[in-house]
N, C-alpha and C. Protein backbone atom coordinates (compact mmCIF):
# COMPACT_ATOMS: atom_id res chain seq x y z
N MET A 1 -92.28 -106.63 -3.49
CA MET A 1 -91.54 -107.86 -3.21
C MET A 1 -92.39 -108.84 -2.42
N MET A 2 -93.06 -108.35 -1.35
CA MET A 2 -93.88 -109.23 -0.51
C MET A 2 -95.05 -109.81 -1.30
N GLY A 3 -95.66 -108.98 -2.19
CA GLY A 3 -96.77 -109.48 -3.00
C GLY A 3 -96.32 -110.59 -3.93
N MET A 4 -95.14 -110.43 -4.52
CA MET A 4 -94.60 -111.46 -5.40
C MET A 4 -94.31 -112.74 -4.61
N MET A 5 -93.76 -112.59 -3.39
CA MET A 5 -93.47 -113.77 -2.56
C MET A 5 -94.76 -114.51 -2.22
N ARG A 6 -95.83 -113.77 -1.85
CA ARG A 6 -97.11 -114.40 -1.55
C ARG A 6 -97.62 -115.20 -2.75
N ALA A 7 -97.52 -114.58 -3.94
CA ALA A 7 -98.00 -115.24 -5.15
C ALA A 7 -97.22 -116.52 -5.43
N VAL A 8 -95.90 -116.47 -5.27
CA VAL A 8 -95.07 -117.65 -5.50
C VAL A 8 -95.42 -118.74 -4.49
N LEU A 9 -95.55 -118.37 -3.23
CA LEU A 9 -95.89 -119.36 -2.19
C LEU A 9 -97.24 -120.01 -2.48
N ARG A 10 -98.22 -119.21 -2.86
CA ARG A 10 -99.54 -119.78 -3.17
C ARG A 10 -99.47 -120.69 -4.40
N LEU A 11 -98.67 -120.28 -5.38
CA LEU A 11 -98.52 -121.05 -6.61
C LEU A 11 -97.98 -122.45 -6.32
N ILE A 12 -97.02 -122.56 -5.40
CA ILE A 12 -96.46 -123.88 -5.11
C ILE A 12 -97.18 -124.59 -3.97
N GLY A 13 -98.29 -123.98 -3.50
CA GLY A 13 -99.14 -124.68 -2.56
C GLY A 13 -98.76 -124.57 -1.10
N ILE A 14 -97.96 -123.58 -0.75
CA ILE A 14 -97.59 -123.41 0.65
C ILE A 14 -98.63 -122.53 1.32
N MET A 15 -99.11 -122.99 2.48
CA MET A 15 -100.09 -122.24 3.24
C MET A 15 -99.44 -121.00 3.84
N THR A 16 -100.02 -119.84 3.60
CA THR A 16 -99.48 -118.62 4.17
C THR A 16 -100.61 -117.79 4.76
N TYR A 17 -100.26 -116.92 5.65
CA TYR A 17 -101.18 -115.97 6.24
C TYR A 17 -100.52 -114.61 6.20
N ASP A 18 -101.29 -113.57 5.84
CA ASP A 18 -100.73 -112.24 5.72
C ASP A 18 -100.06 -111.78 7.01
N LYS A 19 -100.60 -112.18 8.16
CA LYS A 19 -100.01 -111.71 9.41
C LYS A 19 -98.58 -112.22 9.58
N TYR A 20 -98.23 -113.31 8.90
CA TYR A 20 -96.87 -113.83 8.99
C TYR A 20 -95.95 -113.24 7.93
N LEU A 21 -96.53 -112.50 7.01
CA LEU A 21 -95.72 -111.90 5.95
C LEU A 21 -95.61 -110.38 6.13
N ARG A 22 -96.01 -109.89 7.29
CA ARG A 22 -95.95 -108.44 7.53
C ARG A 22 -94.51 -108.01 7.79
N ASP A 23 -94.32 -106.71 7.70
CA ASP A 23 -93.00 -106.14 7.97
C ASP A 23 -92.89 -105.88 9.46
N ASP A 24 -92.69 -106.87 10.25
CA ASP A 24 -92.61 -106.76 11.69
C ASP A 24 -91.14 -106.89 12.07
N ASP A 25 -90.53 -105.77 12.47
CA ASP A 25 -89.10 -105.76 12.76
C ASP A 25 -88.71 -106.78 13.82
N MET A 26 -89.49 -106.89 14.89
CA MET A 26 -89.16 -107.81 15.97
C MET A 26 -89.21 -109.25 15.48
N SER A 27 -90.25 -109.58 14.76
CA SER A 27 -90.39 -110.95 14.24
C SER A 27 -89.27 -111.26 13.25
N ASN A 28 -88.98 -110.31 12.37
CA ASN A 28 -87.91 -110.51 11.40
C ASN A 28 -86.56 -110.70 12.08
N LYS A 29 -86.34 -109.96 13.15
CA LYS A 29 -85.08 -110.05 13.89
C LYS A 29 -84.93 -111.46 14.48
N TRP A 30 -85.99 -111.98 15.08
CA TRP A 30 -85.92 -113.32 15.67
C TRP A 30 -85.80 -114.39 14.60
N ASP A 31 -86.52 -114.21 13.48
CA ASP A 31 -86.38 -115.16 12.37
C ASP A 31 -84.93 -115.24 11.92
N LYS A 32 -84.31 -114.10 11.74
CA LYS A 32 -82.90 -114.07 11.29
C LYS A 32 -81.99 -114.73 12.33
N ARG A 33 -82.22 -114.44 13.60
CA ARG A 33 -81.40 -115.04 14.65
C ARG A 33 -81.49 -116.57 14.64
N PHE A 34 -82.72 -117.08 14.57
CA PHE A 34 -82.88 -118.53 14.61
C PHE A 34 -82.39 -119.20 13.33
N LEU A 35 -82.54 -118.53 12.19
CA LEU A 35 -81.99 -119.09 10.94
C LEU A 35 -80.46 -119.07 10.97
N GLU A 36 -79.88 -118.02 11.53
CA GLU A 36 -78.42 -117.97 11.67
C GLU A 36 -77.93 -119.06 12.61
N LEU A 37 -78.67 -119.32 13.67
CA LEU A 37 -78.31 -120.40 14.59
C LEU A 37 -78.42 -121.76 13.88
N ALA A 38 -79.49 -121.96 13.10
CA ALA A 38 -79.63 -123.20 12.34
C ALA A 38 -78.47 -123.37 11.36
N LYS A 39 -78.04 -122.28 10.74
CA LYS A 39 -76.88 -122.33 9.83
C LYS A 39 -75.62 -122.72 10.60
N HIS A 40 -75.43 -122.13 11.78
CA HIS A 40 -74.26 -122.47 12.60
C HIS A 40 -74.29 -123.96 12.96
N ILE A 41 -75.44 -124.45 13.37
CA ILE A 41 -75.58 -125.85 13.76
C ILE A 41 -75.36 -126.77 12.56
N SER A 42 -75.74 -126.33 11.36
CA SER A 42 -75.53 -127.15 10.16
C SER A 42 -74.05 -127.43 9.94
N ASP A 43 -73.19 -126.53 10.38
CA ASP A 43 -71.75 -126.72 10.23
C ASP A 43 -71.21 -127.88 11.07
N TRP A 44 -71.99 -128.36 12.02
CA TRP A 44 -71.59 -129.51 12.83
C TRP A 44 -71.70 -130.81 12.05
N SER A 45 -72.44 -130.80 10.93
CA SER A 45 -72.59 -131.99 10.10
C SER A 45 -71.25 -132.35 9.46
N LYS A 46 -70.96 -133.63 9.41
CA LYS A 46 -69.74 -134.10 8.76
C LYS A 46 -69.97 -134.48 7.30
N ASP A 47 -71.21 -134.34 6.84
CA ASP A 47 -71.55 -134.65 5.45
C ASP A 47 -70.82 -133.67 4.53
N PRO A 48 -69.97 -134.19 3.63
CA PRO A 48 -69.20 -133.28 2.77
C PRO A 48 -70.04 -132.62 1.66
N SER A 49 -71.22 -133.15 1.36
CA SER A 49 -71.98 -132.59 0.24
C SER A 49 -73.12 -131.67 0.67
N THR A 50 -73.75 -131.92 1.79
CA THR A 50 -74.90 -131.13 2.21
C THR A 50 -74.87 -130.95 3.73
N LYS A 51 -75.04 -129.73 4.16
CA LYS A 51 -75.09 -129.44 5.60
C LYS A 51 -76.40 -128.73 5.88
N VAL A 52 -77.22 -129.33 6.76
CA VAL A 52 -78.53 -128.77 7.10
C VAL A 52 -78.63 -128.69 8.61
N GLY A 53 -79.20 -127.58 9.08
CA GLY A 53 -79.42 -127.40 10.51
C GLY A 53 -80.88 -127.10 10.79
N CYS A 54 -81.31 -127.40 12.02
CA CYS A 54 -82.69 -127.17 12.45
C CYS A 54 -82.69 -126.69 13.90
N VAL A 55 -83.50 -125.68 14.17
CA VAL A 55 -83.72 -125.18 15.52
C VAL A 55 -85.23 -125.17 15.73
N VAL A 56 -85.69 -125.86 16.77
CA VAL A 56 -87.12 -125.89 17.08
C VAL A 56 -87.35 -124.98 18.28
N VAL A 57 -88.31 -124.05 18.12
CA VAL A 57 -88.51 -122.97 19.07
C VAL A 57 -89.96 -122.97 19.56
N GLY A 58 -90.14 -122.76 20.85
CA GLY A 58 -91.47 -122.68 21.45
C GLY A 58 -92.07 -121.29 21.32
N GLU A 59 -93.29 -121.13 21.82
CA GLU A 59 -94.02 -119.88 21.64
C GLU A 59 -93.38 -118.69 22.35
N ASP A 60 -92.56 -118.93 23.35
CA ASP A 60 -91.86 -117.84 24.04
C ASP A 60 -90.44 -117.65 23.52
N ARG A 61 -90.19 -118.14 22.32
CA ARG A 61 -88.89 -118.06 21.65
C ARG A 61 -87.80 -118.83 22.39
N GLU A 62 -88.20 -119.84 23.15
CA GLU A 62 -87.23 -120.69 23.83
C GLU A 62 -86.85 -121.84 22.91
N ILE A 63 -85.59 -122.19 22.89
CA ILE A 63 -85.12 -123.28 22.04
C ILE A 63 -85.49 -124.60 22.71
N ARG A 64 -86.27 -125.42 21.99
CA ARG A 64 -86.69 -126.71 22.51
C ARG A 64 -85.76 -127.82 22.08
N SER A 65 -85.22 -127.71 20.86
CA SER A 65 -84.33 -128.76 20.35
C SER A 65 -83.57 -128.23 19.14
N THR A 66 -82.48 -128.91 18.83
CA THR A 66 -81.69 -128.59 17.64
C THR A 66 -81.28 -129.90 16.97
N GLY A 67 -80.93 -129.81 15.70
CA GLY A 67 -80.44 -130.99 14.99
C GLY A 67 -79.68 -130.61 13.74
N PHE A 68 -78.88 -131.54 13.27
CA PHE A 68 -78.15 -131.37 12.01
C PHE A 68 -78.12 -132.73 11.34
N ASN A 69 -77.85 -132.75 10.05
CA ASN A 69 -77.83 -134.04 9.35
C ASN A 69 -76.55 -134.80 9.69
N GLY A 70 -76.73 -136.07 10.03
CA GLY A 70 -75.61 -136.91 10.40
C GLY A 70 -76.07 -138.32 10.73
N PHE A 71 -75.11 -139.18 10.96
CA PHE A 71 -75.43 -140.57 11.31
C PHE A 71 -75.97 -140.64 12.74
N PRO A 72 -76.73 -141.68 13.05
CA PRO A 72 -77.24 -141.84 14.42
C PRO A 72 -76.10 -141.99 15.42
N ARG A 73 -76.42 -141.78 16.68
CA ARG A 73 -75.45 -141.93 17.77
C ARG A 73 -74.81 -143.31 17.68
N GLY A 74 -73.51 -143.36 17.85
CA GLY A 74 -72.80 -144.64 17.86
C GLY A 74 -72.40 -145.16 16.49
N ILE A 75 -72.85 -144.52 15.42
CA ILE A 75 -72.48 -144.93 14.06
C ILE A 75 -71.32 -144.05 13.61
N GLU A 76 -70.23 -144.69 13.23
CA GLU A 76 -69.01 -143.97 12.88
C GLU A 76 -69.18 -143.15 11.60
N ASP A 77 -68.72 -141.91 11.66
CA ASP A 77 -68.79 -140.99 10.51
C ASP A 77 -67.61 -141.20 9.58
N LYS A 78 -67.52 -142.39 9.00
CA LYS A 78 -66.41 -142.68 8.09
C LYS A 78 -66.61 -141.92 6.79
N ILE A 79 -65.53 -141.33 6.30
CA ILE A 79 -65.60 -140.55 5.07
C ILE A 79 -66.06 -141.40 3.88
N GLU A 80 -65.69 -142.70 3.87
CA GLU A 80 -66.14 -143.58 2.78
C GLU A 80 -67.66 -143.66 2.74
N ARG A 81 -68.28 -143.73 3.90
CA ARG A 81 -69.75 -143.79 3.98
C ARG A 81 -70.37 -142.45 3.55
N LEU A 82 -69.79 -141.38 4.03
CA LEU A 82 -70.34 -140.05 3.76
C LEU A 82 -70.22 -139.66 2.29
N GLU A 83 -69.22 -140.17 1.61
CA GLU A 83 -69.02 -139.82 0.20
C GLU A 83 -69.75 -140.77 -0.76
N ASP A 84 -70.33 -141.84 -0.24
CA ASP A 84 -71.05 -142.82 -1.07
C ASP A 84 -72.54 -142.71 -0.77
N ARG A 85 -73.29 -142.05 -1.66
CA ARG A 85 -74.72 -141.81 -1.42
C ARG A 85 -75.51 -143.10 -1.20
N GLU A 86 -75.14 -144.19 -1.84
CA GLU A 86 -75.85 -145.45 -1.64
C GLU A 86 -75.71 -145.95 -0.21
N GLN A 87 -74.57 -145.70 0.41
CA GLN A 87 -74.38 -146.06 1.82
C GLN A 87 -74.97 -144.99 2.74
N LYS A 88 -74.76 -143.74 2.38
CA LYS A 88 -75.12 -142.62 3.25
C LYS A 88 -76.63 -142.47 3.42
N TYR A 89 -77.39 -142.44 2.32
CA TYR A 89 -78.81 -142.11 2.40
C TYR A 89 -79.62 -143.01 3.33
N PRO A 90 -79.44 -144.31 3.31
CA PRO A 90 -80.24 -145.12 4.24
C PRO A 90 -79.85 -144.94 5.71
N MET A 91 -78.65 -144.44 5.96
CA MET A 91 -78.15 -144.34 7.33
C MET A 91 -78.32 -142.97 7.96
N ILE A 92 -78.34 -141.94 7.15
CA ILE A 92 -78.26 -140.58 7.70
C ILE A 92 -79.59 -140.10 8.26
N CYS A 93 -79.51 -139.36 9.35
CA CYS A 93 -80.68 -138.68 9.92
C CYS A 93 -80.64 -137.23 9.42
N HIS A 94 -81.77 -136.76 8.93
CA HIS A 94 -81.84 -135.38 8.50
C HIS A 94 -81.93 -134.48 9.74
N ALA A 95 -81.65 -133.20 9.56
CA ALA A 95 -81.61 -132.25 10.67
C ALA A 95 -82.94 -132.20 11.44
N GLU A 96 -84.05 -132.15 10.71
CA GLU A 96 -85.36 -132.09 11.36
C GLU A 96 -85.63 -133.35 12.17
N GLU A 97 -85.30 -134.50 11.59
CA GLU A 97 -85.48 -135.77 12.30
C GLU A 97 -84.63 -135.80 13.56
N ASN A 98 -83.39 -135.35 13.45
CA ASN A 98 -82.49 -135.34 14.60
C ASN A 98 -83.03 -134.45 15.71
N ALA A 99 -83.55 -133.29 15.36
CA ALA A 99 -84.11 -132.38 16.37
C ALA A 99 -85.32 -133.02 17.04
N ILE A 100 -86.18 -133.66 16.26
CA ILE A 100 -87.38 -134.30 16.82
C ILE A 100 -87.00 -135.48 17.71
N MET A 101 -86.08 -136.31 17.24
CA MET A 101 -85.67 -137.48 18.03
C MET A 101 -84.93 -137.07 19.30
N HIS A 102 -84.14 -136.01 19.22
CA HIS A 102 -83.44 -135.53 20.41
C HIS A 102 -84.46 -135.05 21.45
N ALA A 103 -85.46 -134.30 21.01
CA ALA A 103 -86.50 -133.82 21.94
C ALA A 103 -87.22 -135.00 22.58
N ALA A 104 -87.55 -136.01 21.79
CA ALA A 104 -88.23 -137.20 22.33
C ALA A 104 -87.34 -137.90 23.35
N ARG A 105 -86.07 -137.99 23.04
CA ARG A 105 -85.12 -138.67 23.93
C ARG A 105 -85.05 -138.02 25.31
N ILE A 106 -85.18 -136.68 25.35
CA ILE A 106 -85.08 -135.99 26.64
C ILE A 106 -86.44 -135.55 27.18
N GLY A 107 -87.52 -136.00 26.54
CA GLY A 107 -88.86 -135.75 27.06
C GLY A 107 -89.41 -134.35 26.85
N ILE A 108 -89.06 -133.72 25.73
CA ILE A 108 -89.53 -132.37 25.42
C ILE A 108 -90.61 -132.45 24.34
N SER A 109 -91.77 -131.85 24.61
CA SER A 109 -92.84 -131.80 23.61
C SER A 109 -92.53 -130.72 22.57
N LEU A 110 -92.84 -131.03 21.32
CA LEU A 110 -92.66 -130.07 20.24
C LEU A 110 -94.00 -129.60 19.69
N LYS A 111 -95.08 -129.98 20.33
CA LYS A 111 -96.42 -129.60 19.88
C LYS A 111 -96.56 -128.08 19.87
N GLY A 112 -96.97 -127.54 18.72
CA GLY A 112 -97.20 -126.11 18.59
C GLY A 112 -95.95 -125.26 18.42
N THR A 113 -94.83 -125.88 18.08
CA THR A 113 -93.57 -125.14 17.95
C THR A 113 -93.29 -124.74 16.51
N MET A 114 -92.22 -123.97 16.34
CA MET A 114 -91.75 -123.55 15.03
C MET A 114 -90.40 -124.20 14.76
N ALA A 115 -90.20 -124.68 13.54
CA ALA A 115 -88.92 -125.26 13.13
C ALA A 115 -88.25 -124.31 12.14
N TYR A 116 -87.06 -123.87 12.50
CA TYR A 116 -86.23 -123.05 11.61
C TYR A 116 -85.21 -123.98 10.98
N VAL A 117 -85.23 -124.07 9.65
CA VAL A 117 -84.35 -125.00 8.95
C VAL A 117 -83.60 -124.27 7.84
N THR A 118 -82.42 -124.77 7.52
CA THR A 118 -81.60 -124.12 6.49
C THR A 118 -82.01 -124.52 5.07
N TRP A 119 -82.84 -125.54 4.96
CA TRP A 119 -83.42 -125.98 3.68
C TRP A 119 -84.89 -126.27 3.91
N PRO A 120 -85.71 -126.22 2.86
CA PRO A 120 -87.09 -126.67 3.03
C PRO A 120 -87.09 -128.16 3.38
N PRO A 121 -88.00 -128.61 4.23
CA PRO A 121 -88.02 -130.03 4.60
C PRO A 121 -88.37 -130.94 3.42
N CYS A 122 -87.77 -132.11 3.40
CA CYS A 122 -88.11 -133.14 2.41
C CYS A 122 -89.39 -133.84 2.88
N SER A 123 -89.93 -134.73 2.07
CA SER A 123 -91.17 -135.42 2.44
C SER A 123 -90.97 -136.31 3.68
N ARG A 124 -89.82 -136.93 3.79
CA ARG A 124 -89.53 -137.79 4.96
C ARG A 124 -89.56 -136.96 6.25
N CYS A 125 -88.91 -135.82 6.23
CA CYS A 125 -88.90 -134.95 7.42
C CYS A 125 -90.27 -134.33 7.65
N THR A 126 -90.97 -134.02 6.58
CA THR A 126 -92.31 -133.45 6.72
C THR A 126 -93.23 -134.39 7.47
N ARG A 127 -93.14 -135.69 7.19
CA ARG A 127 -93.95 -136.66 7.95
C ARG A 127 -93.67 -136.53 9.44
N SER A 128 -92.38 -136.44 9.78
CA SER A 128 -91.99 -136.33 11.19
C SER A 128 -92.42 -135.01 11.80
N LEU A 129 -92.29 -133.92 11.06
CA LEU A 129 -92.71 -132.61 11.56
C LEU A 129 -94.21 -132.60 11.86
N ILE A 130 -94.99 -133.17 10.96
CA ILE A 130 -96.44 -133.24 11.16
C ILE A 130 -96.75 -134.06 12.41
N GLN A 131 -96.16 -135.23 12.51
CA GLN A 131 -96.45 -136.13 13.64
C GLN A 131 -95.97 -135.56 14.98
N ALA A 132 -94.91 -134.75 14.95
CA ALA A 132 -94.39 -134.15 16.19
C ALA A 132 -95.24 -132.97 16.65
N GLY A 133 -96.11 -132.46 15.78
CA GLY A 133 -96.96 -131.34 16.15
C GLY A 133 -96.38 -129.98 15.84
N ILE A 134 -95.33 -129.94 15.01
CA ILE A 134 -94.76 -128.65 14.60
C ILE A 134 -95.85 -127.87 13.86
N SER A 135 -96.02 -126.61 14.20
CA SER A 135 -97.10 -125.84 13.57
C SER A 135 -96.62 -124.85 12.51
N GLU A 136 -95.31 -124.60 12.49
CA GLU A 136 -94.78 -123.63 11.53
C GLU A 136 -93.35 -124.00 11.16
N VAL A 137 -93.01 -123.79 9.88
CA VAL A 137 -91.67 -124.05 9.37
C VAL A 137 -91.17 -122.79 8.69
N VAL A 138 -89.95 -122.38 9.01
CA VAL A 138 -89.35 -121.20 8.42
C VAL A 138 -88.00 -121.60 7.82
N TYR A 139 -87.77 -121.19 6.58
CA TYR A 139 -86.47 -121.45 5.96
C TYR A 139 -86.04 -120.22 5.16
N PRO A 140 -84.75 -120.12 4.83
CA PRO A 140 -84.25 -118.92 4.14
C PRO A 140 -84.86 -118.76 2.75
N GLU A 141 -85.12 -117.51 2.38
CA GLU A 141 -85.71 -117.26 1.07
C GLU A 141 -84.70 -117.37 -0.06
N ASP A 142 -83.41 -117.35 0.27
CA ASP A 142 -82.38 -117.37 -0.77
C ASP A 142 -81.78 -118.76 -1.01
N VAL A 143 -82.45 -119.79 -0.51
CA VAL A 143 -81.91 -121.15 -0.64
C VAL A 143 -82.07 -121.65 -2.09
N GLU A 144 -81.03 -122.32 -2.58
CA GLU A 144 -81.06 -122.89 -3.93
C GLU A 144 -81.19 -124.40 -3.81
N ILE A 145 -82.24 -124.95 -4.40
CA ILE A 145 -82.54 -126.37 -4.29
C ILE A 145 -82.06 -127.10 -5.55
N PRO A 146 -81.21 -128.13 -5.37
CA PRO A 146 -80.79 -128.91 -6.54
C PRO A 146 -81.97 -129.59 -7.23
N GLU A 147 -81.85 -129.76 -8.51
CA GLU A 147 -82.92 -130.36 -9.32
C GLU A 147 -83.40 -131.69 -8.75
N ARG A 148 -82.47 -132.52 -8.25
CA ARG A 148 -82.84 -133.86 -7.78
C ARG A 148 -83.80 -133.82 -6.59
N TRP A 149 -83.92 -132.68 -5.90
CA TRP A 149 -84.80 -132.56 -4.72
C TRP A 149 -86.11 -131.84 -5.03
N GLN A 150 -86.25 -131.25 -6.21
CA GLN A 150 -87.42 -130.43 -6.54
C GLN A 150 -88.75 -131.17 -6.35
N LYS A 151 -88.85 -132.37 -6.90
CA LYS A 151 -90.11 -133.11 -6.83
C LYS A 151 -90.46 -133.46 -5.39
N ASP A 152 -89.47 -133.90 -4.63
CA ASP A 152 -89.71 -134.27 -3.24
C ASP A 152 -90.15 -133.06 -2.42
N PHE A 153 -89.52 -131.90 -2.63
CA PHE A 153 -89.90 -130.69 -1.89
C PHE A 153 -91.31 -130.25 -2.26
N SER A 154 -91.70 -130.47 -3.50
CA SER A 154 -93.05 -130.15 -3.92
C SER A 154 -94.07 -131.04 -3.19
N ILE A 155 -93.75 -132.32 -3.07
CA ILE A 155 -94.62 -133.24 -2.31
C ILE A 155 -94.69 -132.80 -0.85
N ALA A 156 -93.56 -132.46 -0.28
CA ALA A 156 -93.51 -132.01 1.12
C ALA A 156 -94.33 -130.75 1.32
N SER A 157 -94.25 -129.81 0.40
CA SER A 157 -95.02 -128.57 0.51
C SER A 157 -96.52 -128.85 0.52
N GLY A 158 -96.93 -129.77 -0.35
CA GLY A 158 -98.34 -130.16 -0.38
C GLY A 158 -98.79 -130.81 0.91
N MET A 159 -97.93 -131.66 1.47
CA MET A 159 -98.25 -132.31 2.74
C MET A 159 -98.40 -131.29 3.86
N MET A 160 -97.47 -130.33 3.94
CA MET A 160 -97.54 -129.33 5.01
C MET A 160 -98.78 -128.47 4.86
N SER A 161 -99.11 -128.10 3.64
CA SER A 161 -100.31 -127.31 3.40
C SER A 161 -101.55 -128.07 3.85
N GLU A 162 -101.65 -129.31 3.44
CA GLU A 162 -102.82 -130.13 3.81
C GLU A 162 -102.91 -130.34 5.32
N ALA A 163 -101.79 -130.45 6.00
CA ALA A 163 -101.77 -130.67 7.45
C ALA A 163 -101.94 -129.37 8.24
N GLY A 164 -101.96 -128.24 7.55
CA GLY A 164 -102.16 -126.96 8.22
C GLY A 164 -100.91 -126.34 8.82
N ILE A 165 -99.75 -126.81 8.40
CA ILE A 165 -98.49 -126.22 8.87
C ILE A 165 -98.23 -124.94 8.08
N ILE A 166 -97.96 -123.88 8.80
CA ILE A 166 -97.62 -122.60 8.17
C ILE A 166 -96.17 -122.71 7.71
N VAL A 167 -95.93 -122.35 6.46
CA VAL A 167 -94.58 -122.38 5.91
C VAL A 167 -94.27 -120.99 5.39
N ARG A 168 -93.13 -120.48 5.78
CA ARG A 168 -92.74 -119.18 5.28
C ARG A 168 -91.23 -119.08 5.12
N MET A 169 -90.86 -118.14 4.28
CA MET A 169 -89.44 -117.88 4.04
C MET A 169 -89.08 -116.57 4.73
N ALA A 170 -87.87 -116.52 5.24
CA ALA A 170 -87.43 -115.29 5.92
C ALA A 170 -86.03 -114.92 5.45
């Protein structure tokens, strides 16, 4: 199973290292905990179609920031806006962006941290992850990506690989 996962990751251009794909019970336990927390946080989103959560963690497994997809502070979460993609997309902050902006707002550095997300990052969020200094991204291996996002996630994967961000599924 692990060999097949490595091959698939390399095929789509995601940078991987064998030490991150080992069967390490402690590491796997923490990955699952932080992904479960990201899933819990995703439920805070009022978006009726997609709920995404993000937990950014430092090297000592301390939580530096969290985020979920939603409108910026002070913007009303009207159901008419949330159900109309033409209105929603220009206004909504993705989970990764929200976590990064929240950390900036309270003066927390994210340099060298890991982002646990419930979906692979899109290209827009990938730009922000790179610029914030995130060094690793972890997302669930069982996530199903709608066709409309496939091309964008492929671009994002290439960007993370080129920038040296470790990407892995857990």
